[in-house]
Structure formats: structure tokens, C-alpha cells
N, C-alpha and C. Protein backbone atom coordinates (compact mmCIF):
# COMPACT_ATOMS: atom_id res chain seq x y z
N UNK A 1 0.83 -1.18 0.00
CA UNK A 1 0.00 0.00 0.00
C UNK A 1 0.88 1.25 0.00
N UNK A 2 0.44 2.25 -0.74
CA UNK A 2 1.20 3.49 -0.84
C UNK A 2 1.17 4.25 0.48
N UNK A 3 2.29 4.89 0.81
CA UNK A 3 2.34 5.69 2.03
C UNK A 3 1.40 6.87 1.92
N UNK A 4 0.82 7.25 3.01
CA UNK A 4 -0.08 8.41 3.02
C UNK A 4 0.44 9.44 4.01
N UNK A 5 -0.04 10.67 3.87
CA UNK A 5 0.30 11.75 4.79
C UNK A 5 -1.00 12.33 5.34
N UNK A 6 -0.93 12.84 6.54
CA UNK A 6 -2.08 13.52 7.12
C UNK A 6 -2.06 14.98 6.72
N UNK A 7 -3.21 15.49 6.32
CA UNK A 7 -3.36 16.90 5.96
C UNK A 7 -4.42 17.48 6.90
N UNK A 8 -4.08 18.56 7.56
CA UNK A 8 -5.02 19.22 8.47
C UNK A 8 -5.37 20.57 7.88
N UNK A 9 -6.66 20.88 7.82
CA UNK A 9 -7.11 22.16 7.29
C UNK A 9 -8.16 22.75 8.22
N UNK A 10 -8.09 24.04 8.41
CA UNK A 10 -9.10 24.73 9.21
C UNK A 10 -10.11 25.37 8.27
N UNK A 11 -11.36 25.01 8.43
CA UNK A 11 -12.45 25.61 7.66
C UNK A 11 -13.61 25.87 8.60
N UNK A 12 -14.46 26.80 8.22
CA UNK A 12 -15.64 27.08 9.03
C UNK A 12 -16.49 25.81 9.11
N UNK A 13 -17.06 25.55 10.27
CA UNK A 13 -17.83 24.33 10.45
C UNK A 13 -19.02 24.26 9.49
N UNK A 14 -19.63 25.40 9.20
CA UNK A 14 -20.76 25.41 8.27
C UNK A 14 -20.33 24.98 6.86
N UNK A 15 -19.16 25.44 6.43
CA UNK A 15 -18.65 25.06 5.11
C UNK A 15 -18.36 23.56 5.08
N UNK A 16 -17.76 23.06 6.14
CA UNK A 16 -17.45 21.62 6.22
C UNK A 16 -18.74 20.79 6.17
N UNK A 17 -19.74 21.22 6.91
CA UNK A 17 -21.01 20.48 6.94
C UNK A 17 -21.70 20.50 5.57
N UNK A 18 -21.71 21.66 4.92
CA UNK A 18 -22.35 21.76 3.60
C UNK A 18 -21.60 20.94 2.56
N UNK A 19 -20.28 20.98 2.63
CA UNK A 19 -19.47 20.18 1.69
C UNK A 19 -19.71 18.69 1.92
N UNK A 20 -19.79 18.29 3.18
CA UNK A 20 -20.04 16.89 3.51
C UNK A 20 -21.39 16.43 2.94
N UNK A 21 -22.41 17.29 3.02
CA UNK A 21 -23.72 16.95 2.47
C UNK A 21 -23.64 16.74 0.96
N UNK A 22 -22.93 17.60 0.27
CA UNK A 22 -22.78 17.46 -1.19
C UNK A 22 -22.01 16.18 -1.51
N UNK A 23 -20.89 15.98 -0.84
CA UNK A 23 -20.07 14.80 -1.11
C UNK A 23 -20.81 13.51 -0.80
N UNK A 24 -21.63 13.52 0.25
CA UNK A 24 -22.42 12.33 0.58
C UNK A 24 -23.33 11.92 -0.57
N UNK A 25 -23.86 12.90 -1.27
CA UNK A 25 -24.75 12.59 -2.41
C UNK A 25 -24.00 11.89 -3.53
N UNK A 26 -22.69 12.13 -3.61
CA UNK A 26 -21.85 11.45 -4.60
C UNK A 26 -21.17 10.21 -4.03
N UNK A 27 -21.42 9.94 -2.74
CA UNK A 27 -20.78 8.82 -2.05
C UNK A 27 -19.26 8.96 -2.06
N UNK A 28 -18.79 10.19 -1.81
CA UNK A 28 -17.36 10.49 -1.79
C UNK A 28 -16.98 10.93 -0.38
N UNK A 29 -15.94 10.34 0.16
CA UNK A 29 -15.43 10.74 1.47
C UNK A 29 -14.69 12.07 1.35
N UNK A 30 -14.73 12.87 2.41
CA UNK A 30 -14.03 14.15 2.42
C UNK A 30 -12.54 13.95 2.10
N UNK A 31 -11.93 12.94 2.68
CA UNK A 31 -10.50 12.71 2.44
C UNK A 31 -10.24 12.38 0.96
N UNK A 32 -11.15 11.66 0.31
CA UNK A 32 -10.99 11.37 -1.11
C UNK A 32 -11.14 12.64 -1.95
N UNK A 33 -12.07 13.52 -1.55
CA UNK A 33 -12.27 14.77 -2.28
C UNK A 33 -11.03 15.66 -2.17
N UNK A 34 -10.46 15.73 -0.97
CA UNK A 34 -9.25 16.54 -0.78
C UNK A 34 -8.09 15.94 -1.57
N UNK A 35 -7.95 14.62 -1.53
CA UNK A 35 -6.90 13.96 -2.30
C UNK A 35 -7.05 14.19 -3.80
N UNK A 36 -8.28 14.16 -4.29
CA UNK A 36 -8.54 14.43 -5.71
C UNK A 36 -8.15 15.86 -6.06
N UNK A 37 -8.53 16.80 -5.19
CA UNK A 37 -8.16 18.20 -5.42
C UNK A 37 -6.63 18.34 -5.50
N UNK A 38 -5.91 17.74 -4.56
CA UNK A 38 -4.45 17.85 -4.55
C UNK A 38 -3.82 17.19 -5.77
N UNK A 39 -4.36 16.04 -6.21
CA UNK A 39 -3.84 15.40 -7.43
C UNK A 39 -4.03 16.32 -8.64
N UNK A 40 -5.17 17.00 -8.70
CA UNK A 40 -5.43 17.92 -9.81
C UNK A 40 -4.47 19.12 -9.77
N UNK A 41 -4.14 19.59 -8.58
CA UNK A 41 -3.16 20.67 -8.46
C UNK A 41 -1.83 20.23 -9.08
N UNK A 42 -1.44 19.00 -8.79
CA UNK A 42 -0.19 18.46 -9.34
C UNK A 42 -0.29 18.30 -10.85
N UNK A 43 -1.36 17.67 -11.33
CA UNK A 43 -1.52 17.42 -12.77
C UNK A 43 -1.64 18.71 -13.58
N UNK A 44 -2.40 19.68 -13.05
CA UNK A 44 -2.63 20.93 -13.77
C UNK A 44 -1.53 21.95 -13.51
N UNK A 45 -0.68 21.63 -12.54
CA UNK A 45 0.36 22.56 -12.10
C UNK A 45 -0.24 23.89 -11.67
N UNK A 46 -1.37 23.79 -10.98
CA UNK A 46 -2.07 24.97 -10.47
C UNK A 46 -3.46 24.58 -10.00
N UNK A 47 -4.22 25.59 -9.64
CA UNK A 47 -5.60 25.37 -9.22
C UNK A 47 -6.43 25.09 -10.47
N UNK A 48 -7.25 24.05 -10.42
CA UNK A 48 -7.96 23.61 -11.63
C UNK A 48 -9.30 24.29 -11.83
N UNK A 49 -9.51 25.42 -11.17
CA UNK A 49 -10.71 26.21 -11.39
C UNK A 49 -10.33 27.68 -11.30
N UNK A 50 -11.15 28.51 -11.93
CA UNK A 50 -10.87 29.94 -11.95
C UNK A 50 -11.10 30.55 -10.58
N UNK A 51 -10.16 31.38 -10.15
CA UNK A 51 -10.29 32.10 -8.89
C UNK A 51 -10.23 33.58 -9.21
N UNK A 52 -11.32 34.29 -8.88
CA UNK A 52 -11.33 35.72 -9.15
C UNK A 52 -12.23 36.42 -8.15
N UNK A 53 -11.97 37.70 -8.00
CA UNK A 53 -12.82 38.53 -7.14
C UNK A 53 -14.01 39.00 -7.95
N UNK A 54 -15.12 39.31 -7.29
CA UNK A 54 -16.28 39.85 -8.01
C UNK A 54 -15.91 41.16 -8.70
N UNK A 55 -16.64 41.50 -9.76
CA UNK A 55 -16.34 42.74 -10.48
C UNK A 55 -16.39 43.95 -9.57
N UNK A 56 -17.37 43.99 -8.69
CA UNK A 56 -17.32 45.03 -7.71
C UNK A 56 -17.86 44.59 -6.38
N UNK A 57 -17.18 45.11 -5.39
CA UNK A 57 -17.43 44.62 -4.05
C UNK A 57 -17.38 45.80 -3.09
N UNK A 58 -18.39 45.91 -2.22
CA UNK A 58 -18.43 46.99 -1.25
C UNK A 58 -17.78 46.59 0.07
N UNK A 59 -17.01 45.54 0.05
CA UNK A 59 -16.41 45.04 1.28
C UNK A 59 -14.92 44.81 1.05
N UNK A 60 -14.24 44.50 2.10
CA UNK A 60 -12.83 44.14 2.01
C UNK A 60 -12.76 42.72 1.43
N UNK A 61 -12.16 42.53 0.24
CA UNK A 61 -12.15 41.19 -0.39
C UNK A 61 -11.40 40.15 0.44
N UNK A 62 -10.57 40.57 1.39
CA UNK A 62 -9.81 39.61 2.19
C UNK A 62 -10.59 39.15 3.41
N UNK A 63 -11.84 39.63 3.57
CA UNK A 63 -12.67 39.19 4.68
C UNK A 63 -13.40 37.89 4.41
N UNK A 64 -13.28 37.33 3.22
CA UNK A 64 -14.03 36.11 2.88
C UNK A 64 -13.43 34.90 3.51
């Protein structure tokens, strides 16, 4: 079996719960989803989705 590493991430509990609900519908474990995301970072040599700020925002964009 391939060696594994532990990854710890801090996220808001509400985000974790909502993500868990979505993943449950696909029968995907959170650890598998995170592993898939990290594999895609390696394969794509970057984040595999667009990251951008809204066109206009009345708030501090770093508060998200």
C-alpha cells in the first residue's frame, strides 16, 4: 500500500457540513475529495478552477 500523509485544514464548520452533504450525495469521502483536489493541483500545475474577485465589491475582499 502506498504511504499516506495527514493533511489538516481549518475551515468554518458550516462550510465543512455543507461540503459533507454534497459529497455524501456522490458517495465520496471528504478525504478522497481533498486527495482528488491535490492530485489535480499536481496534474494541472495549479488550481484547476478559476479564482477571481467579483467585479465590484463593497467590502474588504480579504474578509471572505
